[in-house]
């Protein structure tokens, strides 16, 4: 009798956990649809990683083709919602005017402790503070004045690379 009660309780707990996981999965799966944005899907599986029949780039091509004339769409990648923007004017608007709202980006790799403190790999408040400090450095006038330095550095790098390839 006690075994039946324990089994029933365990079954109930497993069932409740299953329902919670299913609800979470369905919420993520319909994240963009519930917001009225086209949700794109690609059938890329773990098997594809080992058989090399498809690559993640194949999914990117599918996303781009599926969007057609739409300016943007949404995907869920590794359980995280990702907005895929196709329209160049919208991309420019996001990267220039609304850049402060996109401070937290995904990390592609674990970085070195020193690199994680740079603008490219930081996030949150650290990223916002650093961007405020660096933004005045990269005005169009200052970059125009530094162009000859960039050009000279590029020439030096090119000559070093050429010498390395020739040797």
Protein backbone atom coordinates (compact mmCIF):
# COMPACT_ATOMS: atom_id res chain seq x y z
CA UNK A 1 0.00 0.00 0.00
CA UNK A 2 2.82 2.44 0.90
CA UNK A 3 4.59 1.56 -2.36
CA UNK A 4 1.48 2.53 -4.30
CA UNK A 5 1.28 5.90 -2.50
CA UNK A 6 5.00 6.62 -3.08
CA UNK A 7 4.67 5.60 -6.75
CA UNK A 8 1.61 7.82 -7.14
CA UNK A 9 3.39 10.79 -5.57
CA UNK A 10 6.47 10.28 -7.78
CA UNK A 11 4.27 9.95 -10.86
CA UNK A 12 2.46 13.17 -9.90
CA UNK A 13 5.74 15.05 -9.44
CA UNK A 14 7.10 13.80 -12.79
CA UNK A 15 3.82 14.70 -14.50
CA UNK A 16 3.83 18.23 -13.05
CA UNK A 17 7.47 18.72 -14.11
CA UNK A 18 6.56 17.48 -17.59
CA UNK A 19 3.72 20.01 -17.83
CA UNK A 20 5.98 22.84 -16.67
CA UNK A 21 8.67 21.93 -19.24
CA UNK A 22 6.10 21.56 -22.01
CA UNK A 23 4.57 24.94 -21.22
CA UNK A 24 8.01 26.56 -21.18
CA UNK A 25 8.88 24.91 -24.50
CA UNK A 26 5.60 25.97 -26.12
CA UNK A 27 6.06 29.54 -24.87
CA UNK A 28 9.53 29.73 -26.43
CA UNK A 29 8.36 28.01 -29.60
CA UNK A 30 5.58 30.57 -30.07
CA UNK A 31 7.53 33.58 -28.75
CA UNK A 32 7.48 35.60 -31.97
CA UNK A 33 4.08 34.37 -33.18
CA UNK A 34 2.45 35.66 -29.99
CA UNK A 35 3.91 39.11 -30.75
CA UNK A 36 2.63 39.20 -34.34
CA UNK A 37 6.07 38.68 -35.90
CA UNK A 38 6.78 36.02 -38.49
CA UNK A 39 8.46 33.12 -36.75
CA UNK A 40 10.96 31.21 -38.85
CA UNK A 41 11.87 27.61 -38.21
CA UNK A 42 14.58 25.32 -39.49
CA UNK A 43 14.82 21.57 -39.04
CA UNK A 44 18.45 21.42 -37.90
CA UNK A 45 19.09 18.54 -35.56
CA UNK A 46 21.97 17.06 -33.58
CA UNK A 47 22.18 14.33 -36.20
CA UNK A 48 23.00 16.97 -38.83
CA UNK A 49 26.06 18.01 -36.81
CA UNK A 50 27.54 14.52 -37.02
CA UNK A 51 26.46 13.59 -40.54
CA UNK A 52 27.41 16.96 -42.10
CA UNK A 53 24.40 16.78 -44.42
CA UNK A 54 23.27 20.24 -43.34
CA UNK A 55 24.97 23.16 -41.69
CA UNK A 56 23.67 26.09 -39.64
CA UNK A 57 24.38 28.26 -42.69
CA UNK A 58 21.74 26.24 -44.57
CA UNK A 59 19.24 27.38 -41.95
CA UNK A 60 20.37 30.99 -42.40
CA UNK A 61 19.65 30.70 -46.13
CA UNK A 62 16.24 29.19 -45.39
CA UNK A 63 15.44 32.05 -42.99
CA UNK A 64 16.42 34.65 -45.58
CA UNK A 65 14.37 33.01 -48.34
CA UNK A 66 11.35 32.44 -46.08
CA UNK A 67 11.22 36.13 -45.10
CA UNK A 68 10.64 37.13 -48.71
CA UNK A 69 9.78 40.85 -48.75
CA UNK A 70 9.30 41.16 -45.00
CA UNK A 71 11.68 43.46 -43.12
CA UNK A 72 12.24 41.19 -40.13
CA UNK A 73 11.34 37.89 -38.55
CA UNK A 74 12.01 35.95 -35.41
CA UNK A 75 13.79 32.70 -34.65
CA UNK A 76 14.35 30.76 -31.46
CA UNK A 77 17.94 29.61 -31.24
CA UNK A 78 19.06 27.36 -28.38
CA UNK A 79 15.91 28.35 -26.48
CA UNK A 80 16.57 32.09 -26.83
CA UNK A 81 14.49 34.40 -29.05
CA UNK A 82 16.51 36.15 -31.76
CA UNK A 83 15.25 38.91 -34.05
CA UNK A 84 16.49 38.56 -37.63
CA UNK A 85 16.47 41.94 -39.41
CA UNK A 86 16.69 42.00 -43.20
CA UNK A 87 15.85 45.61 -44.11
CA UNK A 88 18.98 47.79 -44.45
CA UNK A 89 17.26 50.98 -43.29
CA UNK A 90 15.96 49.23 -40.20
CA UNK A 91 19.42 47.77 -39.49
CA UNK A 92 20.94 51.25 -39.77
CA UNK A 93 18.28 52.67 -37.45
CA UNK A 94 18.94 49.95 -34.87
CA UNK A 95 22.73 50.26 -35.03
CA UNK A 96 22.80 54.06 -34.92
CA UNK A 97 19.76 55.52 -33.18
CA UNK A 98 18.45 52.65 -31.05
CA UNK A 99 21.80 51.08 -30.21
CA UNK A 100 21.35 51.74 -26.48
CA UNK A 101 18.35 49.40 -26.40
CA UNK A 102 20.41 46.49 -27.76
CA UNK A 103 23.13 46.37 -25.13
CA UNK A 104 22.80 42.70 -24.27
CA UNK A 105 23.81 40.56 -27.16
CA UNK A 106 24.56 36.88 -27.22
CA UNK A 107 28.09 35.67 -26.61
CA UNK A 108 29.46 33.39 -29.27
CA UNK A 109 32.40 32.01 -27.32
CA UNK A 110 33.81 32.04 -23.82
CA UNK A 111 36.32 34.83 -23.84
CA UNK A 112 39.53 35.55 -22.07
CA UNK A 113 39.05 37.53 -18.82
CA UNK A 114 40.76 40.54 -20.39
CA UNK A 115 38.74 40.37 -23.61
CA UNK A 116 35.49 40.11 -21.67
CA UNK A 117 36.09 43.65 -20.42
CA UNK A 118 36.15 45.12 -23.95
CA UNK A 119 33.19 46.80 -25.61
CA UNK A 120 32.60 43.89 -27.99
CA UNK A 121 32.25 41.24 -25.28
CA UNK A 122 30.75 43.21 -22.37
CA UNK A 123 27.04 43.54 -21.69
CA UNK A 124 24.55 45.30 -19.47
CA UNK A 125 25.53 48.38 -17.51
CA UNK A 126 29.26 47.84 -18.14
CA UNK A 127 28.61 48.00 -21.89
CA UNK A 128 26.46 51.14 -21.59
CA UNK A 129 29.02 52.95 -19.44
CA UNK A 130 31.86 52.04 -21.78
CA UNK A 131 29.91 53.09 -24.87
CA UNK A 132 29.15 56.51 -23.35
CA UNK A 133 32.89 57.01 -22.75
CA UNK A 134 33.95 55.81 -26.22
CA UNK A 135 31.25 57.39 -28.41
CA UNK A 136 32.84 60.89 -28.55
CA UNK A 137 36.05 59.29 -29.83
CA UNK A 138 34.40 57.96 -32.99
CA UNK A 139 32.74 61.02 -34.48
CA UNK A 140 32.99 61.30 -38.26
CA UNK A 141 35.37 64.27 -38.05
CA UNK A 142 37.82 62.49 -35.74
CA UNK A 143 37.77 59.34 -37.86
CA UNK A 144 38.39 61.45 -40.98
CA UNK A 145 41.45 63.02 -39.30
CA UNK A 146 42.76 59.57 -38.33
CA UNK A 147 42.25 58.07 -41.79
CA UNK A 148 45.88 58.52 -42.87
CA UNK A 149 46.99 56.63 -39.72
CA UNK A 150 44.65 53.78 -40.61
CA UNK A 151 45.89 53.81 -44.19
CA UNK A 152 49.57 53.74 -43.14
CA UNK A 153 48.95 50.95 -40.63
CA UNK A 154 47.17 48.95 -43.32
CA UNK A 155 50.13 49.40 -45.68
CA UNK A 156 52.56 48.23 -42.98
CA UNK A 157 50.41 45.20 -42.20
CA UNK A 158 50.14 44.36 -45.90
CA UNK A 159 53.91 44.54 -46.38
CA UNK A 160 54.55 42.37 -43.29
CA UNK A 161 52.05 39.79 -44.46
CA UNK A 162 53.51 39.81 -47.97
CA UNK A 163 57.04 39.30 -46.60
CA UNK A 164 55.82 36.48 -44.40
CA UNK A 165 54.10 34.76 -47.32
CA UNK A 166 57.11 35.16 -49.61
CA UNK A 167 59.57 33.69 -47.06
